[in-house]
């Protein structure tokens, strides 16, 4: 049984839909745009600060473990007193 006649060998009723979908996809790709908000930029900078802080803490841990880290008790006490006075 032949469904298509001799003149309809290249007939595809969905071709128009396929073509419009492809064209819509091509035009929307040209319009894509990415913007990073100021809040996101600040969060990225804050993340960098965390990384440097982690490195500093690691170096302090190594100094404490090796016995190289020395604490100035007078300076620590003075800082604590100044902290509580300014509250």
N, C-alpha and C. Protein backbone atom coordinates (compact mmCIF):
# COMPACT_ATOMS: atom_id res chain seq x y z
N UNK A 1 0.83 -1.17 0.00
CA UNK A 1 0.00 0.00 0.00
C UNK A 1 0.88 1.24 0.00
N UNK A 2 0.63 2.16 -0.87
CA UNK A 2 1.37 3.41 -0.95
C UNK A 2 0.56 4.51 -0.29
N UNK A 3 1.20 5.18 0.63
CA UNK A 3 0.52 6.27 1.31
C UNK A 3 0.69 7.56 0.52
N UNK A 4 1.90 7.81 0.07
CA UNK A 4 2.20 9.03 -0.67
C UNK A 4 2.06 8.79 -2.15
N UNK A 5 1.50 9.75 -2.84
CA UNK A 5 1.39 9.65 -4.28
C UNK A 5 2.71 9.97 -4.93
N UNK A 6 2.79 9.91 -6.24
CA UNK A 6 4.05 10.14 -6.94
C UNK A 6 4.56 11.57 -6.82
N UNK A 7 3.74 12.55 -6.56
CA UNK A 7 4.17 13.94 -6.46
C UNK A 7 4.56 14.35 -5.03
N UNK A 8 4.36 13.48 -4.09
CA UNK A 8 4.58 13.83 -2.69
C UNK A 8 5.75 13.07 -2.06
N UNK A 9 6.76 12.73 -2.81
CA UNK A 9 7.86 11.94 -2.28
C UNK A 9 8.71 12.71 -1.27
N UNK A 10 8.82 14.02 -1.40
CA UNK A 10 9.61 14.82 -0.47
C UNK A 10 8.74 15.61 0.51
N UNK A 11 7.51 15.24 0.65
CA UNK A 11 6.57 15.97 1.49
C UNK A 11 6.78 15.60 2.95
N UNK A 12 7.03 16.58 3.78
CA UNK A 12 7.15 16.39 5.22
C UNK A 12 6.33 17.49 5.90
N UNK A 13 5.19 17.16 6.50
CA UNK A 13 4.34 18.19 7.08
C UNK A 13 4.98 18.88 8.29
N UNK A 14 6.00 18.29 8.86
CA UNK A 14 6.65 18.87 10.04
C UNK A 14 7.88 19.70 9.70
N UNK A 15 8.24 19.78 8.42
CA UNK A 15 9.44 20.49 8.00
C UNK A 15 9.38 21.97 8.41
N UNK A 16 8.23 22.59 8.26
CA UNK A 16 8.08 24.00 8.62
C UNK A 16 8.34 24.19 10.11
N UNK A 17 7.82 23.31 10.94
CA UNK A 17 8.05 23.40 12.38
C UNK A 17 9.52 23.19 12.73
N UNK A 18 10.15 22.25 12.08
CA UNK A 18 11.56 21.97 12.33
C UNK A 18 12.41 23.18 11.94
N UNK A 19 12.13 23.76 10.77
CA UNK A 19 12.89 24.93 10.31
C UNK A 19 12.72 26.11 11.25
N UNK A 20 11.50 26.37 11.71
CA UNK A 20 11.29 27.52 12.61
C UNK A 20 11.95 27.29 13.95
N UNK A 21 11.96 26.05 14.44
CA UNK A 21 12.64 25.75 15.70
C UNK A 21 14.15 25.96 15.57
N UNK A 22 14.72 25.53 14.44
CA UNK A 22 16.14 25.72 14.23
C UNK A 22 16.49 27.19 14.14
N UNK A 23 15.68 27.96 13.45
CA UNK A 23 15.93 29.39 13.32
C UNK A 23 15.79 30.08 14.66
N UNK A 24 14.82 29.68 15.45
CA UNK A 24 14.63 30.29 16.77
C UNK A 24 15.82 29.96 17.66
N UNK A 25 16.35 28.75 17.55
CA UNK A 25 17.52 28.37 18.34
C UNK A 25 18.75 29.16 17.95
N UNK A 26 18.91 29.42 16.67
CA UNK A 26 20.06 30.19 16.20
C UNK A 26 20.00 31.64 16.64
N UNK A 27 18.82 32.24 16.59
CA UNK A 27 18.72 33.65 16.98
C UNK A 27 18.82 33.83 18.47
N UNK A 28 18.31 32.88 19.26
CA UNK A 28 18.39 33.02 20.71
C UNK A 28 19.83 32.83 21.21
N UNK A 29 20.62 32.05 20.50
CA UNK A 29 22.01 31.84 20.91
C UNK A 29 22.80 33.14 20.77
N UNK A 30 22.42 33.96 19.81
CA UNK A 30 23.12 35.22 19.63
C UNK A 30 22.75 36.24 20.69
N UNK A 31 21.60 36.06 21.34
CA UNK A 31 21.12 37.01 22.32
C UNK A 31 21.52 36.65 23.75
N UNK A 32 22.10 35.49 23.97
CA UNK A 32 22.47 35.09 25.31
C UNK A 32 23.49 36.06 25.88
N UNK A 33 23.32 36.38 27.15
CA UNK A 33 24.19 37.34 27.79
C UNK A 33 24.31 36.97 29.26
N UNK A 34 25.50 37.08 29.80
CA UNK A 34 25.72 36.78 31.21
C UNK A 34 26.16 38.05 31.91
N UNK A 35 25.50 38.32 33.02
CA UNK A 35 25.88 39.46 33.84
C UNK A 35 26.09 38.99 35.27
N UNK A 36 27.17 39.43 35.88
CA UNK A 36 27.45 39.08 37.27
C UNK A 36 27.09 40.29 38.12
N UNK A 37 26.23 40.06 39.09
CA UNK A 37 25.77 41.16 39.94
C UNK A 37 26.90 41.61 40.86
N UNK A 38 26.72 42.79 41.42
CA UNK A 38 27.72 43.32 42.36
C UNK A 38 27.83 42.44 43.59
N UNK A 39 26.70 41.90 44.03
CA UNK A 39 26.73 41.01 45.20
C UNK A 39 27.56 39.76 44.92
N UNK A 40 27.42 39.21 43.71
CA UNK A 40 28.19 38.02 43.35
C UNK A 40 29.68 38.35 43.28
N UNK A 41 30.01 39.53 42.76
CA UNK A 41 31.41 39.94 42.71
C UNK A 41 31.99 40.08 44.11
N UNK A 42 31.20 40.64 45.02
CA UNK A 42 31.66 40.79 46.40
C UNK A 42 31.85 39.42 47.05
N UNK A 43 30.96 38.48 46.73
CA UNK A 43 31.10 37.14 47.28
C UNK A 43 32.38 36.47 46.77
N UNK A 44 32.72 36.72 45.50
CA UNK A 44 33.95 36.16 44.95
C UNK A 44 35.16 36.75 45.65
N UNK A 45 35.17 38.04 45.92
CA UNK A 45 36.27 38.67 46.63
C UNK A 45 36.36 38.15 48.06
N UNK A 46 35.20 37.94 48.67
CA UNK A 46 35.17 37.41 50.03
C UNK A 46 35.76 36.00 50.07
N UNK A 47 35.50 35.22 49.03
CA UNK A 47 36.05 33.87 48.95
C UNK A 47 37.57 33.91 48.86
N UNK A 48 38.12 34.88 48.13
CA UNK A 48 39.57 35.02 48.04
C UNK A 48 40.17 35.33 49.40
N UNK A 49 39.47 36.16 50.17
CA UNK A 49 39.95 36.50 51.50
C UNK A 49 39.96 35.27 52.39
N UNK A 50 38.98 34.40 52.23
CA UNK A 50 38.94 33.17 53.02
C UNK A 50 40.15 32.29 52.70
N UNK A 51 40.53 32.24 51.43
CA UNK A 51 41.66 31.40 51.03
C UNK A 51 42.96 31.92 51.65
N UNK A 52 43.16 33.23 51.63
CA UNK A 52 44.38 33.77 52.23
C UNK A 52 44.37 33.57 53.73
N UNK A 53 43.20 33.66 54.35
CA UNK A 53 43.09 33.42 55.79
C UNK A 53 43.42 31.96 56.11
N UNK A 54 42.95 31.04 55.28
CA UNK A 54 43.25 29.63 55.49
C UNK A 54 44.75 29.38 55.40
N UNK A 55 45.41 30.02 54.44
CA UNK A 55 46.86 29.86 54.31
C UNK A 55 47.57 30.39 55.55
N UNK A 56 47.12 31.53 56.06
CA UNK A 56 47.73 32.13 57.25
C UNK A 56 47.54 31.21 58.46
N UNK A 57 46.35 30.65 58.60
CA UNK A 57 46.08 29.74 59.72
C UNK A 57 46.93 28.48 59.61
N UNK A 58 47.08 27.97 58.41
CA UNK A 58 47.93 26.78 58.22
C UNK A 58 49.37 27.06 58.61
N UNK A 59 49.87 28.24 58.23
CA UNK A 59 51.25 28.56 58.60
C UNK A 59 51.39 28.71 60.11
N UNK A 60 50.38 29.27 60.78
CA UNK A 60 50.41 29.37 62.24
C UNK A 60 50.37 27.98 62.88
N UNK A 61 49.55 27.09 62.35
CA UNK A 61 49.48 25.73 62.87
C UNK A 61 50.84 25.04 62.77
N UNK A 62 51.51 25.24 61.64
CA UNK A 62 52.82 24.62 61.46
C UNK A 62 53.83 25.18 62.46
N UNK A 63 53.78 26.49 62.69
CA UNK A 63 54.69 27.10 63.66
C UNK A 63 54.41 26.60 65.07
N UNK A 64 53.14 26.45 65.42
CA UNK A 64 52.79 25.95 66.75
C UNK A 64 53.25 24.51 66.90
N UNK A 65 53.02 23.69 65.91
CA UNK A 65 53.43 22.29 65.95
C UNK A 65 54.94 22.13 66.05
N UNK A 66 55.68 23.00 65.38
CA UNK A 66 57.14 22.88 65.40
C UNK A 66 57.76 23.59 66.61
N UNK A 67 56.96 24.37 67.33
CA UNK A 67 57.46 25.07 68.51
C UNK A 67 58.09 26.41 68.20
N UNK A 68 57.95 26.91 66.99
CA UNK A 68 58.54 28.19 66.59
C UNK A 68 57.66 29.37 66.97
N UNK A 69 56.37 29.15 67.23
CA UNK A 69 55.44 30.25 67.49
C UNK A 69 55.57 30.70 68.94
N UNK A 70 55.86 31.96 69.13
CA UNK A 70 56.00 32.53 70.48
C UNK A 70 54.93 33.60 70.67
N UNK A 71 54.28 33.57 71.84
CA UNK A 71 53.22 34.53 72.15
C UNK A 71 53.77 35.55 73.13
N UNK A 72 53.51 36.83 72.84
CA UNK A 72 53.88 37.91 73.76
C UNK A 72 52.70 38.11 74.70
N UNK A 73 52.85 37.65 75.93
CA UNK A 73 51.75 37.69 76.90
C UNK A 73 51.32 39.12 77.22
N UNK A 74 52.27 40.05 77.33
CA UNK A 74 51.92 41.44 77.66
C UNK A 74 51.10 42.07 76.54
N UNK A 75 51.48 41.82 75.30
CA UNK A 75 50.74 42.38 74.17
C UNK A 75 49.34 41.77 74.09
N UNK A 76 49.22 40.48 74.36
CA UNK A 76 47.92 39.82 74.36
C UNK A 76 47.03 40.40 75.44
N UNK A 77 47.56 40.58 76.64
CA UNK A 77 46.79 41.15 77.75
C UNK A 77 46.36 42.58 77.43
N UNK A 78 47.25 43.37 76.86
CA UNK A 78 46.91 44.75 76.52
C UNK A 78 45.80 44.80 75.47
N UNK A 79 45.85 43.92 74.51
CA UNK A 79 44.81 43.87 73.49
C UNK A 79 43.47 43.48 74.09
N UNK A 80 43.48 42.55 75.04
CA UNK A 80 42.24 42.13 75.69
C UNK A 80 41.66 43.28 76.52
N UNK A 81 42.50 44.00 77.22
CA UNK A 81 42.02 45.13 78.04
C UNK A 81 41.45 46.22 77.14
N UNK A 82 42.12 46.53 76.06
CA UNK A 82 41.63 47.54 75.13
C UNK A 82 40.30 47.14 74.50
N UNK A 83 40.16 45.88 74.23
CA UNK A 83 38.90 45.38 73.65
C UNK A 83 37.75 45.62 74.60
N UNK A 84 37.93 45.27 75.86
CA UNK A 84 36.84 45.38 76.83
C UNK A 84 36.61 46.84 77.26
N UNK A 85 37.60 47.69 77.20
CA UNK A 85 37.41 49.09 77.54
C UNK A 85 36.58 49.81 76.49
N UNK A 86 36.75 49.45 75.25
CA UNK A 86 36.09 50.14 74.14
C UNK A 86 34.65 49.67 73.92
N UNK A 87 34.18 48.75 74.71
CA UNK A 87 32.81 48.27 74.54
C UNK A 87 31.86 49.13 75.23
